[in-house]
């Protein structure tokens, strides 16, 4: 019995020893397996152009390393080592460089895998971007400053395709046009302006627009005349139409607006609509757009869009916000929320409705809110189409030459955003500037002028590579693209309307 027990103990010990030896062998095998499994750090960025270098860092076992990108076995361009630092025990890490080729694929979600010693891991997919050295025109561009500063100019809206820009010069008191070669021509003298009340002076021109044939101008200005008004601190608005072919001007409307709402009585507000000579214009306009068919649209940002037809009938199209007035009959205030109900036109929520441009002769306006750009039919008052860029992606490069579906926002929280100074072109296209953030990484191909095409649903850079902006910035809230010419060059203001600039081909 004792012998049997001894034998049982010996057998048990033998089983334990064998089991231990087996466990050690399994552990060794598992260690070797782990040792052979590649480990790769997060890539610095996940979007690349063809020709860019991807750096893989980690435990890679370069002697038996395979890297696949898309359906292609990537060619290893260089193998190096680097220290991981004291925090990680001063380990030496492998650093392997691979150059991106067009054969690896294109677009978002290109698969990446790393394999060594028979062990394979899949990494986060990358984006291989379209060629950023391809534009709608073949030449690279630069911005050049024009001789005349823009500080005392009120610019007119005119997309005629001639390169000519128009402005009211407050220092030289008149309407001028500047040709492509910087030649200035004075068209209208301030001293020639008059109406049934006699001569008047321009205090400040707030907005103006010219048709694409450069024949008719409309502008809104605060003016000074000899008429005694109820409150001398108020403003006298004049809406003026000028025939640029014979240089004759006609005042379409004169309205008085007191500076304090207690003096803005209902008789100074009404009528809202009717013949342009009879309505009251309480505030200035921010933009005036003139269509070739004679229709004129007026913007008051955040408040309303109105229009005047060729018969000079003035109507409200959209309303977003009212204004305070005073009812002299009841001696009570008429607050803005009551006034908005009295105004004609379709009400739109100002928290989500921010129209910024009307397309020339298409009766379409563009609205921008919270990253969504939408197109609206002005005549029938409904939304036609919208575009929302994908979420903010910090680890991505800026991208153009892509479809709407493949476009994503990189600079959502930057001052300029990803697309600024949007200017409507015929064919449901928006011209603007992509990525002016000079301090951002991965911006070697930006800034650049680009076009959002709502018909093809594509976003294309206008010229290849980076446009040299020099020391200039085209600010989204202040500056405007004023015109373009037959050679495809743009004319704009820059640096918060302090400069006039134009594009030129880099030779």
Protein backbone atom coordinates (compact mmCIF):
# COMPACT_ATOMS: atom_id res chain seq x y z
CA UNK A 1 0.00 0.00 0.00
CA UNK A 2 2.82 2.33 0.99
CA UNK A 3 4.77 1.34 -2.13
CA UNK A 4 1.75 1.98 -4.27
CA UNK A 5 1.32 5.39 -2.67
CA UNK A 6 5.00 6.13 -3.24
CA UNK A 7 4.62 5.12 -6.88
CA UNK A 8 1.52 7.31 -7.15
CA UNK A 9 3.45 10.26 -5.73
CA UNK A 10 6.31 9.62 -8.14
CA UNK A 11 3.82 9.44 -10.98
CA UNK A 12 2.18 12.67 -9.88
CA UNK A 13 5.54 14.37 -9.64
CA UNK A 14 6.43 13.08 -13.10
CA UNK A 15 3.14 14.45 -14.47
CA UNK A 16 3.81 17.83 -12.86
CA UNK A 17 7.36 17.92 -14.21
CA UNK A 18 6.21 16.92 -17.68
CA UNK A 19 3.35 19.40 -17.47
CA UNK A 20 5.73 22.08 -16.31
CA UNK A 21 8.09 21.30 -19.13
CA UNK A 22 5.12 21.46 -21.52
CA UNK A 23 4.00 24.78 -20.04
CA UNK A 24 7.49 26.19 -20.37
CA UNK A 25 7.61 25.03 -23.95
CA UNK A 26 4.17 26.63 -24.63
CA UNK A 27 5.29 29.83 -22.95
CA UNK A 28 8.43 29.87 -25.04
CA UNK A 29 6.38 29.27 -28.15
CA UNK A 30 3.93 31.99 -27.14
CA UNK A 31 6.82 34.36 -26.44
CA UNK A 32 8.33 33.60 -29.82
CA UNK A 33 4.88 34.17 -31.36
CA UNK A 34 4.55 37.51 -29.58
CA UNK A 35 8.11 38.41 -30.48
CA UNK A 36 7.33 37.76 -34.12
CA UNK A 37 4.06 39.71 -34.13
CA UNK A 38 4.72 43.21 -35.48
CA UNK A 39 3.79 46.24 -33.40
CA UNK A 40 3.27 49.57 -35.13
CA UNK A 41 2.74 53.01 -33.63
CA UNK A 42 -0.09 55.24 -34.80
CA UNK A 43 0.79 56.98 -38.06
CA UNK A 44 1.23 60.73 -37.87
CA UNK A 45 -1.37 61.27 -40.56
CA UNK A 46 -3.77 59.06 -42.46
CA UNK A 47 -4.02 60.91 -45.74
CA UNK A 48 -1.29 60.99 -48.35
CA UNK A 49 -0.55 62.23 -51.83
CA UNK A 50 1.18 60.06 -54.39
CA UNK A 51 4.91 60.50 -53.77
CA UNK A 52 4.53 61.06 -50.02
CA UNK A 53 6.53 58.91 -47.61
CA UNK A 54 4.80 56.83 -44.93
CA UNK A 55 6.92 56.15 -41.85
CA UNK A 56 6.13 52.94 -39.97
CA UNK A 57 7.67 52.86 -36.46
CA UNK A 58 7.60 49.96 -34.01
CA UNK A 59 8.72 46.35 -33.73
CA UNK A 60 8.80 45.43 -37.39
CA UNK A 61 11.46 42.74 -37.81
CA UNK A 62 12.74 44.30 -41.05
CA UNK A 63 14.59 41.16 -42.13
CA UNK A 64 11.28 39.45 -42.83
CA UNK A 65 8.91 42.37 -43.35
CA UNK A 66 6.10 42.75 -45.86
CA UNK A 67 3.90 45.84 -46.10
CA UNK A 68 0.81 45.80 -48.29
CA UNK A 69 -1.06 48.98 -49.22
CA UNK A 70 -4.18 48.39 -51.24
CA UNK A 71 -3.48 45.37 -53.43
CA UNK A 72 0.19 46.23 -53.84
CA UNK A 73 3.25 44.96 -51.98
CA UNK A 74 4.95 48.20 -51.01
CA UNK A 75 8.61 48.67 -51.81
CA UNK A 76 10.61 49.49 -48.68
CA UNK A 77 12.64 52.62 -49.36
CA UNK A 78 14.67 52.79 -46.13
CA UNK A 79 15.18 50.95 -42.82
CA UNK A 80 16.41 52.78 -39.72
CA UNK A 81 16.34 52.46 -35.94
CA UNK A 82 15.37 55.01 -33.34
CA UNK A 83 15.23 55.09 -29.57
CA UNK A 84 11.91 54.86 -27.79
CA UNK A 85 13.10 56.94 -24.81
CA UNK A 86 13.64 56.23 -21.13
CA UNK A 87 9.92 55.98 -20.47
CA UNK A 88 9.85 52.83 -22.59
CA UNK A 89 13.09 51.33 -21.32
CA UNK A 90 15.27 52.88 -24.02
CA UNK A 91 14.15 50.23 -26.49
CA UNK A 92 15.30 50.46 -30.06
CA UNK A 93 12.46 50.69 -32.53
CA UNK A 94 12.47 49.98 -36.23
CA UNK A 95 11.57 52.79 -38.60
CA UNK A 96 10.66 51.79 -42.14
CA UNK A 97 9.87 54.21 -44.96
CA UNK A 98 7.54 53.49 -47.87
CA UNK A 99 6.73 55.80 -50.79
CA UNK A 100 3.07 56.03 -51.85
CA UNK A 101 2.45 55.11 -55.50
CA UNK A 102 -0.64 55.49 -57.67
CA UNK A 103 -0.80 51.68 -58.06
CA UNK A 104 -1.72 51.42 -54.38
CA UNK A 105 -5.12 52.89 -55.11
CA UNK A 106 -6.96 56.16 -54.64
CA UNK A 107 -9.62 57.57 -52.39
CA UNK A 108 -10.59 56.92 -48.79
CA UNK A 109 -10.22 53.64 -46.91
CA UNK A 110 -7.20 52.10 -48.66
CA UNK A 111 -6.26 49.01 -46.56
CA UNK A 112 -2.81 48.71 -44.95
CA UNK A 113 -1.26 45.55 -43.45
CA UNK A 114 2.11 44.69 -41.94
CA UNK A 115 3.46 41.10 -41.87
CA UNK A 116 6.67 39.70 -40.34
CA UNK A 117 7.79 36.24 -39.23
CA UNK A 118 4.52 34.82 -40.45
CA UNK A 119 2.39 37.15 -38.31
CA UNK A 120 0.11 39.74 -39.94
CA UNK A 121 -1.74 42.74 -38.50
CA UNK A 122 -4.12 45.15 -40.20
CA UNK A 123 -3.63 48.84 -39.58
CA UNK A 124 -6.09 51.70 -39.81
CA UNK A 125 -6.87 52.41 -43.50
CA UNK A 126 -5.39 55.48 -45.15
CA UNK A 127 -6.62 57.94 -47.75
CA UNK A 128 -4.61 58.29 -50.95
CA UNK A 129 -5.56 61.70 -52.23
CA UNK A 130 -6.14 62.74 -55.82
CA UNK A 131 -3.31 64.61 -57.46
CA UNK A 132 -3.23 68.12 -55.99
CA UNK A 133 -1.01 69.31 -58.84
CA UNK A 134 -3.92 69.18 -61.26
CA UNK A 135 -6.25 72.15 -61.64
CA UNK A 136 -8.98 73.42 -63.91
CA UNK A 137 -6.29 75.58 -65.49
CA UNK A 138 -2.72 74.33 -66.13
CA UNK A 139 -0.79 77.21 -64.52
CA UNK A 140 0.18 77.92 -60.92
CA UNK A 141 -0.98 81.30 -59.61
CA UNK A 142 0.14 84.04 -57.25
CA UNK A 143 -1.56 87.07 -55.72
CA UNK A 144 -0.12 90.47 -56.59
CA UNK A 145 -0.97 93.78 -54.99
CA UNK A 146 -2.39 96.54 -57.16
CA UNK A 147 -1.12 100.09 -56.77
CA UNK A 148 -4.32 101.60 -55.40
CA UNK A 149 -5.26 100.90 -51.76
CA UNK A 150 -8.87 100.01 -51.01
CA UNK A 151 -9.32 101.76 -47.68
CA UNK A 152 -11.47 104.62 -49.04
CA UNK A 153 -13.37 102.59 -51.60
CA UNK A 154 -16.87 101.09 -51.59
CA UNK A 155 -16.72 98.12 -53.95
CA UNK A 156 -19.53 97.24 -56.37
CA UNK A 157 -20.71 93.71 -57.13
CA UNK A 158 -20.05 92.90 -60.80
CA UNK A 159 -19.18 89.50 -62.26
CA UNK A 160 -18.87 90.39 -65.93
CA UNK A 161 -15.86 88.33 -67.00
CA UNK A 162 -13.91 91.37 -68.21
CA UNK A 163 -11.68 91.83 -65.18
CA UNK A 164 -12.97 95.39 -64.70
CA UNK A 165 -13.84 96.37 -61.13
CA UNK A 166 -16.08 99.25 -60.04
CA UNK A 167 -16.00 101.31 -56.85
CA UNK A 168 -17.10 104.55 -55.29
CA UNK A 169 -14.01 106.53 -54.28
CA UNK A 170 -14.89 108.60 -51.21
CA UNK A 171 -11.69 110.60 -51.40
CA UNK A 172 -12.00 111.50 -55.07
CA UNK A 173 -15.80 111.76 -54.87
CA UNK A 174 -17.09 109.67 -57.70
CA UNK A 175 -17.68 106.29 -59.30
CA UNK A 176 -14.62 104.76 -60.94
CA UNK A 177 -13.77 101.65 -62.87
CA UNK A 178 -10.35 100.01 -62.94
CA UNK A 179 -9.29 98.02 -65.98
CA UNK A 180 -7.09 94.92 -65.92
CA UNK A 181 -3.96 97.00 -66.48
CA UNK A 182 -4.81 99.18 -63.42
CA UNK A 183 -5.99 102.12 -65.54
CA UNK A 184 -8.62 104.15 -63.62
CA UNK A 185 -11.53 105.86 -65.35
CA UNK A 186 -13.97 108.16 -63.57
CA UNK A 187 -17.53 107.48 -64.70
CA UNK A 188 -19.80 109.48 -62.38
CA UNK A 189 -19.00 112.74 -60.59
CA UNK A 190 -20.61 113.23 -57.19
CA UNK A 191 -21.38 116.82 -58.19
CA UNK A 192 -23.67 115.53 -60.95
CA UNK A 193 -26.05 113.81 -58.51
CA UNK A 194 -29.43 115.42 -57.87
CA UNK A 195 -33.13 114.66 -57.56
CA UNK A 196 -36.39 116.58 -57.15
CA UNK A 197 -35.05 117.95 -53.85
CA UNK A 198 -31.96 119.39 -55.49
CA UNK A 199 -28.32 118.39 -55.22
CA UNK A 200 -27.12 116.00 -52.52
CA UNK A 201 -23.80 114.74 -51.23
CA UNK A 202 -22.71 111.17 -50.64
CA UNK A 203 -21.92 110.46 -47.02
CA UNK A 204 -21.11 106.76 -47.53
CA UNK A 205 -21.94 104.12 -50.14
CA UNK A 206 -22.91 100.89 -48.37
CA UNK A 207 -23.53 98.55 -51.29
CA UNK A 208 -23.76 98.51 -55.06
CA UNK A 209 -24.32 96.10 -57.91
CA UNK A 210 -23.87 96.13 -61.68
CA UNK A 211 -25.31 93.80 -64.31
CA UNK A 212 -22.97 91.43 -66.17
CA UNK A 213 -23.11 93.63 -69.28
CA UNK A 214 -21.69 96.56 -67.27
CA UNK A 215 -24.56 98.82 -68.32
CA UNK A 216 -26.64 99.51 -65.20
CA UNK A 217 -25.57 100.29 -61.63
CA UNK A 218 -27.66 100.42 -58.45
CA UNK A 219 -26.21 101.66 -55.18
CA UNK A 220 -27.49 102.55 -51.71
CA UNK A 221 -25.90 105.44 -49.80
CA UNK A 222 -26.42 107.63 -46.79
CA UNK A 223 -26.66 111.18 -48.14
CA UNK A 224 -26.82 114.81 -47.10
CA UNK A 225 -29.20 117.38 -48.56
CA UNK A 226 -30.92 120.62 -47.61
CA UNK A 227 -34.21 119.03 -46.50
CA UNK A 228 -35.05 119.53 -42.81
CA UNK A 229 -35.65 116.13 -41.18
CA UNK A 230 -37.43 115.47 -37.86
CA UNK A 231 -34.17 114.37 -36.22
CA UNK A 232 -30.87 115.66 -37.61
CA UNK A 233 -28.98 112.67 -36.18
CA UNK A 234 -30.82 110.26 -38.47
CA UNK A 235 -29.82 109.06 -41.92
CA UNK A 236 -31.20 109.92 -45.32
CA UNK A 237 -30.99 106.87 -47.56
CA UNK A 238 -30.99 107.13 -51.33
CA UNK A 239 -31.25 104.23 -53.75
CA UNK A 240 -29.69 105.39 -57.02
CA UNK A 241 -29.76 103.87 -60.50
CA UNK A 242 -27.07 104.87 -63.02
CA UNK A 243 -26.91 104.19 -66.73
CA UNK A 244 -23.20 103.59 -67.29
CA UNK A 245 -23.51 104.01 -71.06
CA UNK A 246 -24.62 107.67 -70.88
CA UNK A 247 -23.45 108.33 -67.29
CA UNK A 248 -26.87 109.53 -66.14
CA UNK A 249 -28.20 108.74 -62.65
CA UNK A 250 -31.71 108.68 -61.20
CA UNK A 251 -32.74 108.53 -57.55
CA UNK A 252 -35.30 105.74 -57.17
CA UNK A 253 -35.98 106.19 -53.47
CA UNK A 254 -35.31 108.67 -50.68
CA UNK A 255 -36.08 107.46 -47.15
CA UNK A 256 -35.38 108.99 -43.77
CA UNK A 257 -34.44 106.80 -40.80
CA UNK A 258 -33.97 108.36 -37.33
CA UNK A 259 -31.13 107.15 -35.15
CA UNK A 260 -33.39 106.34 -32.14
CA UNK A 261 -36.31 103.92 -32.46
CA UNK A 262 -38.63 106.20 -30.43
CA UNK A 263 -38.55 108.53 -33.42
CA UNK A 264 -39.06 105.71 -35.95
CA UNK A 265 -42.81 106.03 -36.15
CA UNK A 266 -45.00 103.82 -38.28
CA UNK A 267 -45.51 106.55 -40.87
CA UNK A 268 -41.74 106.39 -41.47
CA UNK A 269 -41.90 102.59 -41.83
CA UNK A 270 -44.92 102.05 -44.07
CA UNK A 271 -45.46 101.01 -46.77
CA UNK A 272 -43.21 97.96 -46.80
CA UNK A 273 -44.01 97.09 -50.41
CA UNK A 274 -45.16 98.84 -53.57
CA UNK A 275 -43.54 101.04 -56.16
CA UNK A 276 -39.91 101.65 -55.25
CA UNK A 277 -40.43 105.43 -55.03
CA UNK A 278 -43.12 104.99 -52.37
CA UNK A 279 -41.69 102.33 -50.02
CA UNK A 280 -39.58 103.10 -46.96
CA UNK A 281 -36.02 101.81 -46.78
CA UNK A 282 -35.25 101.74 -43.06
CA UNK A 283 -31.71 100.36 -43.19
CA UNK A 284 -28.96 100.03 -45.72
CA UNK A 285 -28.31 96.91 -47.77
CA UNK A 286 -25.20 94.74 -47.50
CA UNK A 287 -25.31 93.49 -51.08
CA UNK A 288 -27.10 94.38 -54.29
CA UNK A 289 -27.30 91.86 -57.12
CA UNK A 290 -28.43 92.97 -60.58
CA UNK A 291 -29.77 90.38 -63.02
CA UNK A 292 -29.58 90.82 -66.77
CA UNK A 293 -33.37 90.57 -66.99
CA UNK A 294 -33.68 93.75 -64.92
CA UNK A 295 -34.50 92.12 -61.58
CA UNK A 296 -32.55 93.50 -58.62
CA UNK A 297 -32.08 91.67 -55.30
CA UNK A 298 -31.22 93.47 -52.06
CA UNK A 299 -29.61 91.80 -49.04
CA UNK A 300 -29.75 93.00 -45.47
CA UNK A 301 -27.74 90.27 -43.70
CA UNK A 302 -29.66 88.66 -40.88
CA UNK A 303 -32.81 90.68 -41.62
CA UNK A 304 -34.32 90.24 -45.07
CA UNK A 305 -33.98 89.70 -48.81
CA UNK A 306 -36.06 91.95 -51.04
CA UNK A 307 -36.30 92.39 -54.78
CA UNK A 308 -37.38 94.93 -57.38
CA UNK A 309 -38.70 93.80 -60.75
CA UNK A 310 -38.13 95.67 -64.04
CA UNK A 311 -41.39 97.60 -63.44
CA UNK A 312 -39.90 98.90 -60.18
CA UNK A 313 -42.25 96.97 -57.93
CA UNK A 314 -40.49 96.36 -54.61
CA UNK A 315 -41.30 93.19 -52.63
CA UNK A 316 -40.03 91.19 -49.65
CA UNK A 317 -38.84 87.68 -50.49
CA UNK A 318 -37.56 86.39 -47.13
CA UNK A 319 -37.55 87.91 -43.67
CA UNK A 320 -35.41 86.76 -40.75
CA UNK A 321 -35.55 89.54 -38.16
CA UNK A 322 -37.58 92.66 -37.48
CA UNK A 323 -36.68 96.03 -35.96
CA UNK A 324 -38.04 98.27 -33.21
CA UNK A 325 -40.39 101.13 -34.09
CA UNK A 326 -42.88 103.38 -32.30
CA UNK A 327 -46.64 103.65 -32.70
CA UNK A 328 -47.42 107.33 -32.19
CA UNK A 329 -51.17 106.64 -32.01
CA UNK A 330 -50.88 104.39 -28.96
CA UNK A 331 -47.59 105.90 -27.78
CA UNK A 332 -46.17 102.40 -27.42
CA UNK A 333 -43.16 100.54 -28.72
CA UNK A 334 -43.57 98.10 -31.59
CA UNK A 335 -40.87 95.52 -30.72
CA UNK A 336 -38.98 93.59 -33.35
CA UNK A 337 -40.88 90.33 -32.75
CA UNK A 338 -44.14 92.16 -33.52
CA UNK A 339 -42.62 93.91 -36.51
CA UNK A 340 -41.41 90.64 -38.01
CA UNK A 341 -45.03 89.49 -38.08
CA UNK A 342 -46.06 92.65 -39.89
CA UNK A 343 -43.38 92.39 -42.55
CA UNK A 344 -44.38 90.59 -45.78
CA UNK A 345 -42.28 87.76 -47.19
CA UNK A 346 -41.56 84.21 -46.04
CA UNK A 347 -40.20 83.95 -42.50
CA UNK A 348 -36.99 81.96 -42.05
CA UNK A 349 -35.37 81.15 -38.71
CA UNK A 350 -32.31 83.43 -38.39
CA UNK A 351 -30.58 80.77 -36.28
CA UNK A 352 -30.34 78.47 -39.30
CA UNK A 353 -30.80 80.82 -42.24
CA UNK A 354 -27.76 82.79 -43.33
CA UNK A 355 -27.99 83.59 -47.06
CA UNK A 356 -24.72 84.96 -48.37
CA UNK A 357 -24.99 85.18 -52.16
CA UNK A 358 -27.33 85.12 -55.12
CA UNK A 359 -26.17 83.41 -58.31
CA UNK A 360 -26.07 85.64 -61.40
CA UNK A 361 -29.20 85.28 -63.51
CA UNK A 362 -30.20 81.91 -62.04
CA UNK A 363 -32.41 83.29 -59.25
CA UNK A 364 -30.69 80.92 -56.84
CA UNK A 365 -29.21 81.96 -53.54
CA UNK A 366 -26.78 80.12 -51.32
CA UNK A 367 -27.31 79.64 -47.61
CA UNK A 368 -24.65 78.56 -45.11
CA UNK A 369 -25.31 77.24 -41.62
CA UNK A 370 -23.30 74.99 -39.31
CA UNK A 371 -21.21 73.46 -42.08
CA UNK A 372 -24.14 72.95 -44.46
CA UNK A 373 -24.29 74.88 -47.75
CA UNK A 374 -27.68 74.86 -49.44
CA UNK A 375 -29.16 76.21 -52.68
CA UNK A 376 -32.57 77.88 -52.67
CA UNK A 377 -34.95 78.83 -55.44
CA UNK A 378 -35.67 82.51 -54.81
CA UNK A 379 -38.76 82.64 -57.02
CA UNK A 380 -40.50 79.57 -55.60
CA UNK A 381 -38.91 79.78 -52.13
CA UNK A 382 -37.76 76.21 -51.57
CA UNK A 383 -34.44 74.44 -51.04
CA UNK A 384 -33.08 72.76 -54.16
CA UNK A 385 -29.94 71.04 -52.90
CA UNK A 386 -27.57 70.93 -49.94
CA UNK A 387 -24.02 69.88 -49.20
CA UNK A 388 -22.53 69.03 -45.81
CA UNK A 389 -18.85 68.26 -45.47
CA UNK A 390 -17.82 65.25 -43.44
CA UNK A 391 -16.72 65.54 -39.84
CA UNK A 392 -13.62 67.35 -38.67
CA UNK A 393 -10.57 65.09 -39.11
CA UNK A 394 -7.41 66.25 -37.39
CA UNK A 395 -5.23 63.46 -38.79
CA UNK A 396 -6.12 64.18 -42.42
CA UNK A 397 -4.57 66.38 -45.05
CA UNK A 398 -6.70 69.03 -46.73
CA UNK A 399 -8.14 67.67 -49.95
CA UNK A 400 -9.61 68.92 -53.23
CA UNK A 401 -10.28 67.33 -56.63
CA UNK A 402 -12.80 65.02 -54.97
CA UNK A 403 -16.52 64.35 -55.00
CA UNK A 404 -18.80 65.88 -52.40
CA UNK A 405 -18.96 62.46 -50.71
CA UNK A 406 -15.19 62.27 -50.32
CA UNK A 407 -14.69 65.82 -49.04
CA UNK A 408 -14.08 66.28 -45.33
CA UNK A 409 -13.44 69.26 -43.10
CA UNK A 410 -9.95 69.74 -41.70
CA UNK A 411 -10.10 73.30 -40.36
CA UNK A 412 -13.65 73.33 -38.99
CA UNK A 413 -12.58 75.28 -35.89
CA UNK A 414 -10.12 77.60 -37.60
CA UNK A 415 -10.85 81.27 -38.17
CA UNK A 416 -11.13 80.91 -41.92
CA UNK A 417 -12.70 77.47 -42.11
CA UNK A 418 -12.05 75.13 -44.98
CA UNK A 419 -13.71 77.24 -47.69
CA UNK A 420 -14.15 81.01 -47.57
CA UNK A 421 -15.17 84.06 -49.60
CA UNK A 422 -17.68 82.07 -51.62
CA UNK A 423 -18.60 83.79 -54.88
CA UNK A 424 -21.39 82.43 -57.12
CA UNK A 425 -20.63 81.62 -60.75
CA UNK A 426 -23.08 80.52 -63.46
CA UNK A 427 -23.92 76.83 -63.54
CA UNK A 428 -24.49 76.37 -59.79
CA UNK A 429 -20.84 76.84 -58.93
CA UNK A 430 -19.19 78.55 -55.98
CA UNK A 431 -15.74 80.06 -56.32
CA UNK A 432 -13.74 80.50 -53.13
CA UNK A 433 -10.47 80.00 -51.30
CA UNK A 434 -9.48 76.71 -49.66
CA UNK A 435 -7.40 76.61 -46.46
CA UNK A 436 -5.66 79.87 -45.67
CA UNK A 437 -4.42 78.59 -42.30
CA UNK A 438 -0.70 79.19 -42.70
CA UNK A 439 0.17 77.58 -39.38
CA UNK A 440 -1.50 74.24 -40.00
CA UNK A 441 0.49 71.13 -40.80
CA UNK A 442 0.20 69.31 -44.12
CA UNK A 443 -0.63 72.54 -45.95
CA UNK A 444 2.04 72.36 -48.63
CA UNK A 445 -0.62 72.41 -51.39
CA UNK A 446 -2.67 75.30 -49.96
CA UNK A 447 -4.11 77.91 -50.03
CA UNK A 448 -5.71 77.66 -53.44
CA UNK A 449 -8.75 78.97 -55.27
CA UNK A 450 -11.29 76.25 -55.85
CA UNK A 451 -14.78 75.63 -57.18
CA UNK A 452 -17.66 73.71 -55.63
CA UNK A 453 -19.82 72.45 -58.49
CA UNK A 454 -23.33 71.56 -57.35
CA UNK A 455 -24.25 70.06 -60.72
CA UNK A 456 -21.40 67.57 -60.89
CA UNK A 457 -21.11 67.36 -57.07
CA UNK A 458 -17.37 67.80 -57.24
CA UNK A 459 -14.83 70.05 -55.56
CA UNK A 460 -11.92 71.04 -57.79
CA UNK A 461 -8.90 73.20 -57.24
CA UNK A 462 -8.74 75.99 -59.76
CA UNK A 463 -4.98 75.87 -60.34
CA UNK A 464 -2.39 73.17 -59.66
CA UNK A 465 -0.44 73.16 -56.42
CA UNK A 466 -0.33 76.01 -53.96
CA UNK A 467 -1.31 79.58 -54.85
CA UNK A 468 1.28 82.03 -53.58
CA UNK A 469 -0.69 84.49 -51.44
CA UNK A 470 2.47 86.31 -50.31
CA UNK A 471 1.62 88.34 -47.22
CA UNK A 472 -2.05 88.67 -48.12
CA UNK A 473 -5.16 87.05 -46.68
CA UNK A 474 -8.62 87.09 -48.21
CA UNK A 475 -10.83 87.36 -45.14
CA UNK A 476 -14.12 85.50 -45.27
CA UNK A 477 -16.09 88.14 -43.35
CA UNK A 478 -14.73 91.23 -45.10
CA UNK A 479 -13.17 90.62 -48.50
CA UNK A 480 -14.75 89.75 -51.82
CA UNK A 481 -13.81 88.31 -55.17
CA UNK A 482 -14.88 91.19 -57.39
CA UNK A 483 -14.54 89.87 -60.94
CA UNK A 484 -12.69 87.52 -63.28
CA UNK A 485 -11.38 87.93 -66.82
CA UNK A 486 -11.22 86.01 -70.08
CA UNK A 487 -7.81 84.59 -69.09
CA UNK A 488 -9.23 83.10 -65.91
CA UNK A 489 -7.61 85.56 -63.50
CA UNK A 490 -9.42 86.85 -60.39
CA UNK A 491 -9.68 90.36 -58.95
CA UNK A 492 -10.42 90.81 -55.25
CA UNK A 493 -9.96 92.78 -52.07
CA UNK A 494 -7.67 91.43 -49.37
CA UNK A 495 -6.51 92.09 -45.82
CA UNK A 496 -9.91 93.28 -44.56
CA UNK A 497 -10.55 95.46 -47.62
CA UNK A 498 -7.29 97.34 -47.24
CA UNK A 499 -5.78 96.12 -50.51
CA UNK A 500 -6.75 95.41 -54.10
CA UNK A 501 -5.18 92.21 -55.45
CA UNK A 502 -5.30 90.08 -58.56
CA UNK A 503 -4.00 86.68 -59.58
CA UNK A 504 -1.17 86.23 -62.05
CA UNK A 505 0.42 83.17 -63.63
CA UNK A 506 3.72 82.07 -62.09
CA UNK A 507 6.17 81.89 -64.97
